[in-house]
Amino acid sequence: MKLMKVIDFAHTLLKESITKKEIVVDATVGNGYDTEFLANLVGPEGRVFGFDIQKIAIELAKKYLAEKTCTDNIVLINKGHETIKDSIPEQYHGQVAGAIFNLGYLPGGDKQIITQGNTTINALKQLLEIMKPEALIVLVIYHGHPGGAIERDQILNFVQTIDQKQAHVLQYQFINQINQPPFVIAIEKR
């Protein structure tokens, strides 16, 4: 067996958890790569809600997705992920099967614009409210940039306080690599 890179591990967890026709969330759309991944998992009868605060990210993702996949099942929302509960129609509350976060900054974008621990924690709380049982949230935490360690610590502190009766929380991390390698937090709602 070969150990998986963190993004491959994150995708494997989601592949094992999400099926066709389900409702999923890309909480940090960025360039649209995870949005495409999720759209392929749920198929044309599923639905992907993608969030990003940066208009440039939404535009880049729209262009990328138009070239790569059918976009009929994708709704891109130019808002922060802390608006998940209000932005996803109530008809889907209780049906959300999975979500992914890639925390940090937009690759190739302004490194001053980064995800924040308080908004990410708010989004996690909202997701746990609107997800179905056994739904999965995967966070890929990049923390080597300025501000990244603060967000990392806030998220780790939060997920350690989630009641085990509400969710299982897993951390996947390479512990002997230099330069603050990214790691995965997976939260499975019970």
N, C-alpha and C. Protein backbone atom coordinates (compact mmCIF):
# COMPACT_ATOMS: atom_id res chain seq x y z
N MET A 1 0.83 -1.18 0.00
CA MET A 1 0.00 0.00 0.00
C MET A 1 0.88 1.24 0.00
N LYS A 2 0.46 2.24 -0.75
CA LYS A 2 1.18 3.50 -0.81
C LYS A 2 0.36 4.56 -0.08
N LEU A 3 1.01 5.35 0.77
CA LEU A 3 0.31 6.43 1.46
C LEU A 3 -0.13 7.48 0.46
N MET A 4 -1.35 7.95 0.61
CA MET A 4 -1.90 8.94 -0.32
C MET A 4 -1.52 10.36 0.08
N LYS A 5 -1.35 11.19 -0.93
CA LYS A 5 -1.21 12.63 -0.68
C LYS A 5 -2.51 13.12 -0.07
N VAL A 6 -2.46 14.26 0.61
CA VAL A 6 -3.65 14.70 1.34
C VAL A 6 -4.85 14.95 0.43
N ILE A 7 -4.67 15.56 -0.71
CA ILE A 7 -5.82 15.84 -1.58
C ILE A 7 -6.39 14.53 -2.13
N ASP A 8 -5.52 13.56 -2.44
CA ASP A 8 -6.01 12.25 -2.90
C ASP A 8 -6.79 11.55 -1.79
N PHE A 9 -6.30 11.66 -0.56
CA PHE A 9 -7.00 11.07 0.58
C PHE A 9 -8.36 11.73 0.76
N ALA A 10 -8.39 13.05 0.67
CA ALA A 10 -9.66 13.79 0.79
C ALA A 10 -10.65 13.33 -0.27
N HIS A 11 -10.19 13.21 -1.50
CA HIS A 11 -11.07 12.78 -2.59
C HIS A 11 -11.53 11.33 -2.40
N THR A 12 -10.65 10.48 -1.92
CA THR A 12 -11.03 9.08 -1.68
C THR A 12 -12.13 9.00 -0.63
N LEU A 13 -12.00 9.76 0.43
CA LEU A 13 -13.05 9.77 1.46
C LEU A 13 -14.39 10.18 0.86
N LEU A 14 -14.38 11.22 0.04
CA LEU A 14 -15.62 11.69 -0.57
C LEU A 14 -16.18 10.68 -1.57
N LYS A 15 -15.30 10.05 -2.34
CA LYS A 15 -15.76 9.02 -3.30
C LYS A 15 -16.47 7.88 -2.58
N GLU A 16 -15.96 7.52 -1.41
CA GLU A 16 -16.55 6.42 -0.63
C GLU A 16 -17.87 6.82 0.01
N SER A 17 -18.10 8.10 0.16
CA SER A 17 -19.25 8.58 0.92
C SER A 17 -20.39 9.10 0.05
N ILE A 18 -20.07 9.66 -1.10
CA ILE A 18 -21.07 10.35 -1.94
C ILE A 18 -21.46 9.48 -3.12
N THR A 19 -22.75 9.47 -3.43
CA THR A 19 -23.24 8.71 -4.58
C THR A 19 -23.97 9.65 -5.56
N LYS A 20 -24.37 9.09 -6.67
CA LYS A 20 -25.10 9.85 -7.68
C LYS A 20 -26.37 10.46 -7.09
N LYS A 21 -26.79 11.55 -7.67
CA LYS A 21 -28.04 12.25 -7.34
C LYS A 21 -28.02 12.96 -5.99
N GLU A 22 -26.87 13.05 -5.33
CA GLU A 22 -26.85 13.66 -4.00
C GLU A 22 -26.54 15.16 -4.09
N ILE A 23 -26.71 15.82 -2.95
CA ILE A 23 -26.48 17.26 -2.81
C ILE A 23 -25.15 17.43 -2.07
N VAL A 24 -24.24 18.24 -2.64
CA VAL A 24 -22.92 18.43 -2.04
C VAL A 24 -22.52 19.90 -2.09
N VAL A 25 -21.46 20.23 -1.34
CA VAL A 25 -21.00 21.61 -1.23
C VAL A 25 -19.50 21.68 -1.46
N ASP A 26 -19.09 22.61 -2.32
CA ASP A 26 -17.68 23.01 -2.40
C ASP A 26 -17.62 24.36 -1.70
N ALA A 27 -17.10 24.35 -0.49
CA ALA A 27 -17.13 25.56 0.34
C ALA A 27 -16.09 26.60 -0.04
N THR A 28 -15.13 26.20 -0.87
CA THR A 28 -14.06 27.11 -1.32
C THR A 28 -13.78 26.81 -2.79
N VAL A 29 -14.56 27.35 -3.68
CA VAL A 29 -14.52 26.99 -5.10
C VAL A 29 -13.14 27.18 -5.73
N GLY A 30 -12.49 28.30 -5.46
CA GLY A 30 -11.18 28.54 -6.05
C GLY A 30 -11.23 28.46 -7.56
N ASN A 31 -10.38 27.63 -8.14
CA ASN A 31 -10.33 27.48 -9.59
C ASN A 31 -11.35 26.48 -10.14
N GLY A 32 -12.09 25.81 -9.26
CA GLY A 32 -13.16 24.92 -9.69
C GLY A 32 -12.81 23.45 -9.77
N TYR A 33 -11.61 23.06 -9.37
CA TYR A 33 -11.20 21.66 -9.50
C TYR A 33 -12.03 20.73 -8.61
N ASP A 34 -12.22 21.11 -7.36
CA ASP A 34 -13.04 20.28 -6.48
C ASP A 34 -14.51 20.34 -6.87
N THR A 35 -14.94 21.47 -7.40
CA THR A 35 -16.32 21.59 -7.88
C THR A 35 -16.56 20.57 -8.99
N GLU A 36 -15.62 20.47 -9.91
CA GLU A 36 -15.73 19.48 -10.99
C GLU A 36 -15.73 18.06 -10.42
N PHE A 37 -14.83 17.80 -9.48
CA PHE A 37 -14.76 16.49 -8.85
C PHE A 37 -16.11 16.11 -8.23
N LEU A 38 -16.69 17.03 -7.49
CA LEU A 38 -17.99 16.76 -6.86
C LEU A 38 -19.10 16.59 -7.89
N ALA A 39 -19.09 17.42 -8.93
CA ALA A 39 -20.12 17.32 -9.98
C ALA A 39 -20.07 15.95 -10.65
N ASN A 40 -18.88 15.43 -10.86
CA ASN A 40 -18.75 14.10 -11.45
C ASN A 40 -19.24 13.02 -10.50
N LEU A 41 -19.03 13.21 -9.20
CA LEU A 41 -19.51 12.22 -8.22
C LEU A 41 -21.03 12.14 -8.19
N VAL A 42 -21.69 13.30 -8.19
CA VAL A 42 -23.15 13.30 -8.03
C VAL A 42 -23.89 13.15 -9.35
N GLY A 43 -23.20 13.37 -10.47
CA GLY A 43 -23.83 13.21 -11.77
C GLY A 43 -24.82 14.32 -12.08
N PRO A 44 -25.42 14.26 -13.28
CA PRO A 44 -26.30 15.33 -13.72
C PRO A 44 -27.57 15.49 -12.89
N GLU A 45 -27.96 14.46 -12.16
CA GLU A 45 -29.17 14.56 -11.34
C GLU A 45 -28.88 15.00 -9.91
N GLY A 46 -27.60 15.15 -9.58
CA GLY A 46 -27.22 15.67 -8.27
C GLY A 46 -27.09 17.18 -8.34
N ARG A 47 -26.61 17.77 -7.27
CA ARG A 47 -26.46 19.23 -7.24
C ARG A 47 -25.22 19.59 -6.43
N VAL A 48 -24.43 20.52 -6.98
CA VAL A 48 -23.26 21.05 -6.29
C VAL A 48 -23.49 22.53 -6.02
N PHE A 49 -23.39 22.92 -4.76
CA PHE A 49 -23.41 24.33 -4.40
C PHE A 49 -21.98 24.73 -4.08
N GLY A 50 -21.46 25.70 -4.84
CA GLY A 50 -20.09 26.14 -4.66
C GLY A 50 -20.03 27.58 -4.17
N PHE A 51 -19.17 27.82 -3.19
CA PHE A 51 -19.06 29.13 -2.56
C PHE A 51 -17.65 29.69 -2.70
N ASP A 52 -17.56 30.97 -2.99
CA ASP A 52 -16.28 31.68 -2.92
C ASP A 52 -16.55 33.17 -2.78
N ILE A 53 -15.78 33.82 -1.91
CA ILE A 53 -15.97 35.26 -1.71
C ILE A 53 -15.35 36.10 -2.82
N GLN A 54 -14.45 35.48 -3.59
CA GLN A 54 -13.76 36.24 -4.63
C GLN A 54 -14.47 36.08 -5.97
N LYS A 55 -14.84 37.20 -6.54
CA LYS A 55 -15.50 37.18 -7.85
C LYS A 55 -14.59 36.55 -8.90
N ILE A 56 -13.29 36.84 -8.83
CA ILE A 56 -12.35 36.27 -9.80
C ILE A 56 -12.34 34.75 -9.72
N ALA A 57 -12.48 34.19 -8.52
CA ALA A 57 -12.53 32.73 -8.37
C ALA A 57 -13.77 32.17 -9.04
N ILE A 58 -14.90 32.81 -8.84
CA ILE A 58 -16.15 32.35 -9.46
C ILE A 58 -16.01 32.41 -10.98
N GLU A 59 -15.42 33.48 -11.50
CA GLU A 59 -15.24 33.61 -12.95
C GLU A 59 -14.29 32.55 -13.50
N LEU A 60 -13.17 32.33 -12.80
CA LEU A 60 -12.22 31.30 -13.23
C LEU A 60 -12.87 29.92 -13.20
N ALA A 61 -13.63 29.65 -12.15
CA ALA A 61 -14.29 28.35 -12.03
C ALA A 61 -15.33 28.16 -13.13
N LYS A 62 -16.12 29.20 -13.41
CA LYS A 62 -17.12 29.09 -14.47
C LYS A 62 -16.47 28.74 -15.80
N LYS A 63 -15.37 29.41 -16.11
CA LYS A 63 -14.66 29.15 -17.37
C LYS A 63 -14.12 27.71 -17.38
N TYR A 64 -13.47 27.31 -16.31
CA TYR A 64 -12.91 25.97 -16.22
C TYR A 64 -14.00 24.91 -16.33
N LEU A 65 -15.08 25.09 -15.58
CA LEU A 65 -16.16 24.09 -15.56
C LEU A 65 -16.87 24.00 -16.90
N ALA A 66 -17.01 25.11 -17.60
CA ALA A 66 -17.66 25.10 -18.92
C ALA A 66 -16.86 24.25 -19.90
N GLU A 67 -15.55 24.21 -19.73
CA GLU A 67 -14.69 23.41 -20.61
C GLU A 67 -14.65 21.94 -20.21
N LYS A 68 -14.90 21.65 -18.94
CA LYS A 68 -14.67 20.30 -18.42
C LYS A 68 -15.91 19.45 -18.18
N THR A 69 -17.02 20.05 -17.87
CA THR A 69 -18.15 19.25 -17.40
C THR A 69 -19.46 19.96 -17.70
N CYS A 70 -20.51 19.23 -17.59
CA CYS A 70 -21.84 19.84 -17.67
C CYS A 70 -22.03 20.69 -16.42
N THR A 71 -22.47 21.91 -16.61
CA THR A 71 -22.62 22.81 -15.46
C THR A 71 -24.06 22.94 -14.99
N ASP A 72 -24.97 22.18 -15.58
CA ASP A 72 -26.38 22.28 -15.20
C ASP A 72 -26.63 21.93 -13.74
N ASN A 73 -25.76 21.09 -13.16
CA ASN A 73 -25.98 20.66 -11.78
C ASN A 73 -25.13 21.45 -10.78
N ILE A 74 -24.52 22.55 -11.24
CA ILE A 74 -23.63 23.35 -10.39
C ILE A 74 -24.22 24.74 -10.19
N VAL A 75 -24.29 25.15 -8.93
CA VAL A 75 -24.71 26.50 -8.58
C VAL A 75 -23.53 27.18 -7.89
N LEU A 76 -22.96 28.19 -8.55
CA LEU A 76 -21.84 28.92 -7.96
C LEU A 76 -22.36 30.18 -7.28
N ILE A 77 -21.92 30.39 -6.05
CA ILE A 77 -22.43 31.48 -5.22
C ILE A 77 -21.26 32.35 -4.79
N ASN A 78 -21.29 33.60 -5.19
CA ASN A 78 -20.22 34.55 -4.88
C ASN A 78 -20.44 35.15 -3.48
N LYS A 79 -20.35 34.26 -2.49
CA LYS A 79 -20.48 34.64 -1.08
C LYS A 79 -19.55 33.75 -0.27
N GLY A 80 -19.28 34.17 0.95
CA GLY A 80 -18.48 33.35 1.84
C GLY A 80 -19.21 32.10 2.28
N HIS A 81 -18.44 31.07 2.63
CA HIS A 81 -19.06 29.81 3.04
C HIS A 81 -19.83 29.92 4.35
N GLU A 82 -19.66 31.01 5.07
CA GLU A 82 -20.44 31.21 6.29
C GLU A 82 -21.91 31.51 5.99
N THR A 83 -22.26 31.60 4.70
CA THR A 83 -23.66 31.82 4.30
C THR A 83 -24.32 30.54 3.79
N ILE A 84 -23.69 29.42 4.02
CA ILE A 84 -24.17 28.14 3.46
C ILE A 84 -25.65 27.89 3.78
N LYS A 85 -26.01 27.98 5.03
CA LYS A 85 -27.38 27.63 5.43
C LYS A 85 -28.40 28.54 4.76
N ASP A 86 -28.12 29.83 4.70
CA ASP A 86 -29.06 30.77 4.07
C ASP A 86 -29.04 30.69 2.55
N SER A 87 -27.92 30.26 1.97
CA SER A 87 -27.78 30.26 0.51
C SER A 87 -28.29 28.98 -0.15
N ILE A 88 -28.28 27.89 0.58
CA ILE A 88 -28.79 26.63 0.03
C ILE A 88 -30.29 26.57 0.32
N PRO A 89 -31.11 26.39 -0.72
CA PRO A 89 -32.56 26.37 -0.51
C PRO A 89 -32.97 25.35 0.56
N GLU A 90 -33.97 25.73 1.34
CA GLU A 90 -34.43 24.88 2.45
C GLU A 90 -34.84 23.49 2.00
N GLN A 91 -35.29 23.35 0.76
CA GLN A 91 -35.70 22.03 0.27
C GLN A 91 -34.55 21.02 0.33
N TYR A 92 -33.30 21.52 0.36
CA TYR A 92 -32.14 20.62 0.42
C TYR A 92 -31.61 20.44 1.84
N HIS A 93 -32.14 21.17 2.81
CA HIS A 93 -31.68 21.00 4.18
C HIS A 93 -32.06 19.60 4.65
N GLY A 94 -31.10 18.94 5.27
CA GLY A 94 -31.30 17.55 5.69
C GLY A 94 -30.90 16.55 4.63
N GLN A 95 -30.50 17.03 3.44
CA GLN A 95 -30.12 16.15 2.33
C GLN A 95 -28.66 16.28 1.91
N VAL A 96 -27.96 17.27 2.41
CA VAL A 96 -26.57 17.49 1.99
C VAL A 96 -25.73 16.30 2.42
N ALA A 97 -25.03 15.69 1.45
CA ALA A 97 -24.30 14.44 1.69
C ALA A 97 -22.81 14.63 1.90
N GLY A 98 -22.26 15.75 1.44
CA GLY A 98 -20.83 15.93 1.55
C GLY A 98 -20.42 17.36 1.29
N ALA A 99 -19.21 17.69 1.78
CA ALA A 99 -18.67 19.03 1.56
C ALA A 99 -17.15 18.96 1.61
N ILE A 100 -16.53 19.86 0.85
CA ILE A 100 -15.07 19.98 0.89
C ILE A 100 -14.68 21.44 1.05
N PHE A 101 -13.63 21.64 1.83
CA PHE A 101 -13.00 22.94 2.03
C PHE A 101 -11.52 22.78 1.67
N ASN A 102 -10.98 23.68 0.87
CA ASN A 102 -9.54 23.80 0.68
C ASN A 102 -9.18 25.15 1.28
N LEU A 103 -8.60 25.13 2.47
CA LEU A 103 -8.38 26.36 3.21
C LEU A 103 -7.03 26.97 2.88
N GLY A 104 -7.00 28.27 2.83
CA GLY A 104 -5.78 29.01 2.51
C GLY A 104 -6.13 30.18 1.62
N TYR A 105 -5.49 30.21 0.44
CA TYR A 105 -5.74 31.30 -0.51
C TYR A 105 -5.95 30.72 -1.90
N LEU A 106 -6.47 31.53 -2.79
CA LEU A 106 -6.72 31.13 -4.17
C LEU A 106 -5.39 30.88 -4.87
N PRO A 107 -5.13 29.66 -5.35
CA PRO A 107 -3.88 29.41 -6.07
C PRO A 107 -3.74 30.36 -7.26
N GLY A 108 -2.61 31.04 -7.31
CA GLY A 108 -2.37 32.00 -8.37
C GLY A 108 -3.02 33.35 -8.11
N GLY A 109 -3.69 33.48 -6.97
CA GLY A 109 -4.41 34.72 -6.65
C GLY A 109 -3.68 35.55 -5.61
N ASP A 110 -4.39 36.47 -5.04
CA ASP A 110 -3.88 37.38 -4.02
C ASP A 110 -3.71 36.63 -2.71
N LYS A 111 -2.48 36.46 -2.26
CA LYS A 111 -2.20 35.70 -1.04
C LYS A 111 -2.60 36.46 0.23
N GLN A 112 -3.03 37.70 0.07
CA GLN A 112 -3.53 38.48 1.21
C GLN A 112 -4.97 38.09 1.55
N ILE A 113 -5.68 37.53 0.56
CA ILE A 113 -7.07 37.12 0.77
C ILE A 113 -7.07 35.64 1.13
N ILE A 114 -7.33 35.37 2.40
CA ILE A 114 -7.25 33.99 2.90
C ILE A 114 -8.54 33.62 3.62
N THR A 115 -8.75 32.32 3.74
CA THR A 115 -9.88 31.85 4.53
C THR A 115 -9.62 32.18 6.00
N GLN A 116 -10.69 32.31 6.76
CA GLN A 116 -10.58 32.72 8.16
C GLN A 116 -11.22 31.66 9.06
N GLY A 117 -10.61 31.43 10.20
CA GLY A 117 -11.11 30.42 11.12
C GLY A 117 -12.54 30.65 11.56
N ASN A 118 -12.90 31.90 11.87
CA ASN A 118 -14.25 32.16 12.38
C ASN A 118 -15.32 31.86 11.33
N THR A 119 -15.07 32.22 10.07
CA THR A 119 -16.08 31.94 9.04
C THR A 119 -16.13 30.45 8.70
N THR A 120 -14.97 29.81 8.74
CA THR A 120 -14.94 28.37 8.47
C THR A 120 -15.67 27.60 9.57
N ILE A 121 -15.45 27.96 10.81
CA ILE A 121 -16.14 27.30 11.92
C ILE A 121 -17.65 27.55 11.83
N ASN A 122 -18.03 28.75 11.49
CA ASN A 122 -19.45 29.07 11.30
C ASN A 122 -20.04 28.17 10.20
N ALA A 123 -19.32 28.03 9.10
CA ALA A 123 -19.78 27.17 8.00
C ALA A 123 -19.89 25.71 8.45
N LEU A 124 -18.93 25.23 9.22
CA LEU A 124 -18.98 23.85 9.71
C LEU A 124 -20.21 23.62 10.58
N LYS A 125 -20.49 24.56 11.46
CA LYS A 125 -21.68 24.44 12.32
C LYS A 125 -22.95 24.38 11.48
N GLN A 126 -23.02 25.24 10.47
CA GLN A 126 -24.21 25.26 9.60
C GLN A 126 -24.34 23.95 8.83
N LEU A 127 -23.22 23.46 8.32
CA LEU A 127 -23.27 22.19 7.57
C LEU A 127 -23.75 21.05 8.46
N LEU A 128 -23.26 20.99 9.67
CA LEU A 128 -23.71 19.92 10.57
C LEU A 128 -25.21 19.99 10.83
N GLU A 129 -25.79 21.17 10.73
CA GLU A 129 -27.24 21.33 10.88
C GLU A 129 -28.01 20.83 9.66
N ILE A 130 -27.48 21.10 8.45
CA ILE A 130 -28.27 20.82 7.24
C ILE A 130 -27.85 19.55 6.51
N MET A 131 -26.86 18.84 7.04
CA MET A 131 -26.43 17.60 6.40
C MET A 131 -27.26 16.43 6.90
N LYS A 132 -27.34 15.41 6.08
CA LYS A 132 -28.03 14.18 6.47
C LYS A 132 -27.10 13.34 7.35
N PRO A 133 -27.63 12.38 8.08
CA PRO A 133 -26.77 11.49 8.86
C PRO A 133 -25.77 10.76 7.96
N GLU A 134 -24.57 10.55 8.48
CA GLU A 134 -23.46 9.90 7.79
C GLU A 134 -22.87 10.74 6.66
N ALA A 135 -23.27 12.00 6.58
CA ALA A 135 -22.66 12.91 5.60
C ALA A 135 -21.23 13.22 6.04
N LEU A 136 -20.42 13.65 5.08
CA LEU A 136 -18.99 13.83 5.33
C LEU A 136 -18.53 15.23 4.93
N ILE A 137 -17.81 15.86 5.83
CA ILE A 137 -17.14 17.14 5.55
C ILE A 137 -15.65 16.85 5.54
N VAL A 138 -14.96 17.30 4.49
CA VAL A 138 -13.52 17.14 4.40
C VAL A 138 -12.88 18.52 4.29
N LEU A 139 -11.92 18.78 5.16
CA LEU A 139 -11.16 20.03 5.11
C LEU A 139 -9.72 19.71 4.77
N VAL A 140 -9.19 20.33 3.73
CA VAL A 140 -7.77 20.26 3.43
C VAL A 140 -7.20 21.58 3.93
N ILE A 141 -6.37 21.49 4.95
CA ILE A 141 -5.90 22.69 5.65
C ILE A 141 -4.46 23.00 5.24
N TYR A 142 -4.33 24.07 4.48
CA TYR A 142 -3.02 24.62 4.12
C TYR A 142 -2.74 25.72 5.14
N HIS A 143 -1.60 25.63 5.82
CA HIS A 143 -1.37 26.54 6.94
C HIS A 143 0.03 27.15 6.95
N GLY A 144 0.76 27.06 5.85
CA GLY A 144 2.12 27.60 5.80
C GLY A 144 2.20 29.07 5.44
N HIS A 145 1.11 29.68 5.08
CA HIS A 145 1.08 31.09 4.68
C HIS A 145 0.76 31.97 5.89
N PRO A 146 1.04 33.28 5.79
CA PRO A 146 0.69 34.18 6.89
C PRO A 146 -0.81 34.10 7.21
N GLY A 147 -1.13 33.87 8.46
CA GLY A 147 -2.51 33.72 8.90
C GLY A 147 -2.99 32.28 8.91
N GLY A 148 -2.28 31.40 8.22
CA GLY A 148 -2.70 30.00 8.13
C GLY A 148 -2.64 29.26 9.45
N ALA A 149 -1.61 29.53 10.25
CA ALA A 149 -1.47 28.84 11.54
C ALA A 149 -2.59 29.25 12.50
N ILE A 150 -3.02 30.50 12.41
CA ILE A 150 -4.11 30.96 13.28
C ILE A 150 -5.39 30.21 12.93
N GLU A 151 -5.71 30.14 11.64
CA GLU A 151 -6.91 29.41 11.21
C GLU A 151 -6.81 27.94 11.59
N ARG A 152 -5.66 27.34 11.33
CA ARG A 152 -5.44 25.92 11.68
C ARG A 152 -5.76 25.68 13.15
N ASP A 153 -5.19 26.49 14.02
CA ASP A 153 -5.38 26.29 15.45
C ASP A 153 -6.84 26.49 15.86
N GLN A 154 -7.49 27.49 15.28
CA GLN A 154 -8.91 27.72 15.60
C GLN A 154 -9.75 26.52 15.19
N ILE A 155 -9.49 25.99 14.01
CA ILE A 155 -10.27 24.84 13.52
C ILE A 155 -9.99 23.60 14.35
N LEU A 156 -8.72 23.34 14.64
CA LEU A 156 -8.39 22.17 15.46
C LEU A 156 -9.05 22.28 16.84
N ASN A 157 -9.00 23.46 17.43
CA ASN A 157 -9.66 23.64 18.73
C ASN A 157 -11.16 23.37 18.63
N PHE A 158 -11.78 23.86 17.55
CA PHE A 158 -13.22 23.65 17.39
C PHE A 158 -13.57 22.17 17.18
N VAL A 159 -12.90 21.51 16.24
CA VAL A 159 -13.30 20.13 15.92
C VAL A 159 -13.07 19.18 17.08
N GLN A 160 -12.12 19.50 17.95
CA GLN A 160 -11.89 18.66 19.12
C GLN A 160 -13.02 18.79 20.14
N THR A 161 -13.84 19.83 20.01
CA THR A 161 -14.95 20.02 20.95
C THR A 161 -16.27 19.47 20.42
N ILE A 162 -16.29 18.98 19.18
CA ILE A 162 -17.53 18.42 18.64
C ILE A 162 -17.86 17.14 19.41
N ASP A 163 -19.06 17.07 19.92
CA ASP A 163 -19.51 15.91 20.69
C ASP A 163 -19.45 14.67 19.81
N GLN A 164 -18.84 13.61 20.33
CA GLN A 164 -18.72 12.38 19.55
C GLN A 164 -20.07 11.76 19.23
N LYS A 165 -21.12 12.17 19.92
CA LYS A 165 -22.46 11.70 19.58
C LYS A 165 -23.01 12.43 18.36
N GLN A 166 -22.41 13.59 18.04
CA GLN A 166 -22.83 14.36 16.87
C GLN A 166 -22.03 13.99 15.63
N ALA A 167 -20.72 13.70 15.81
CA ALA A 167 -19.87 13.44 14.64
C ALA A 167 -18.59 12.74 15.07
N HIS A 168 -18.02 12.02 14.11
CA HIS A 168 -16.67 11.46 14.26
C HIS A 168 -15.72 12.43 13.57
N VAL A 169 -14.55 12.66 14.15
CA VAL A 169 -13.57 13.58 13.56
C VAL A 169 -12.24 12.84 13.42
N LEU A 170 -11.66 12.92 12.22
CA LEU A 170 -10.40 12.25 11.91
C LEU A 170 -9.40 13.28 11.41
N GLN A 171 -8.11 13.07 11.72
CA GLN A 171 -7.04 13.91 11.18
C GLN A 171 -6.06 13.02 10.44
N TYR A 172 -5.70 13.40 9.21
CA TYR A 172 -4.75 12.67 8.38
C TYR A 172 -3.62 13.63 8.06
N GLN A 173 -2.40 13.28 8.52
CA GLN A 173 -1.31 14.24 8.41
C GLN A 173 0.03 13.51 8.35
N PHE A 174 0.90 14.01 7.50
CA PHE A 174 2.28 13.54 7.48
C PHE A 174 3.03 14.36 8.53
N ILE A 175 3.63 13.69 9.51
CA ILE A 175 4.18 14.41 10.65
C ILE A 175 5.69 14.64 10.57
N ASN A 176 6.35 14.11 9.54
CA ASN A 176 7.80 14.31 9.45
C ASN A 176 8.21 15.13 8.23
N GLN A 177 7.29 15.87 7.65
CA GLN A 177 7.61 16.70 6.49
C GLN A 177 7.83 18.14 6.92
N ILE A 178 8.72 18.81 6.19
CA ILE A 178 9.04 20.20 6.52
C ILE A 178 8.07 21.17 5.84
N ASN A 179 8.15 22.42 6.21
CA ASN A 179 7.40 23.52 5.57
C ASN A 179 5.89 23.41 5.75
N GLN A 180 5.45 23.04 6.92
CA GLN A 180 4.02 23.00 7.26
C GLN A 180 3.17 22.34 6.18
N PRO A 181 3.34 21.03 5.97
CA PRO A 181 2.54 20.37 4.93
C PRO A 181 1.05 20.42 5.26
N PRO A 182 0.21 20.46 4.23
CA PRO A 182 -1.23 20.47 4.47
C PRO A 182 -1.66 19.15 5.10
N PHE A 183 -2.82 19.18 5.71
CA PHE A 183 -3.38 17.96 6.29
C PHE A 183 -4.89 17.97 6.13
N VAL A 184 -5.50 16.83 6.41
CA VAL A 184 -6.94 16.65 6.24
C VAL A 184 -7.62 16.48 7.59
N ILE A 185 -8.74 17.14 7.74
CA ILE A 185 -9.68 16.87 8.83
C ILE A 185 -10.96 16.36 8.16
N ALA A 186 -11.45 15.22 8.60
CA ALA A 186 -12.71 14.68 8.09
C ALA A 186 -13.71 14.62 9.25
N ILE A 187 -14.91 15.09 8.99
CA ILE A 187 -15.97 15.10 9.99
C ILE A 187 -17.15 14.32 9.42
N GLU A 188 -17.48 13.20 10.06
CA GLU A 188 -18.63 12.40 9.62
C GLU A 188 -19.77 12.61 10.60
N LYS A 189 -20.85 13.18 10.09
CA LYS A 189 -22.02 13.42 10.94
C LYS A 189 -22.64 12.08 11.32
N ARG A 190 -23.07 11.97 12.55
CA ARG A 190 -23.71 10.73 13.01
C ARG A 190 -25.21 10.81 12.82
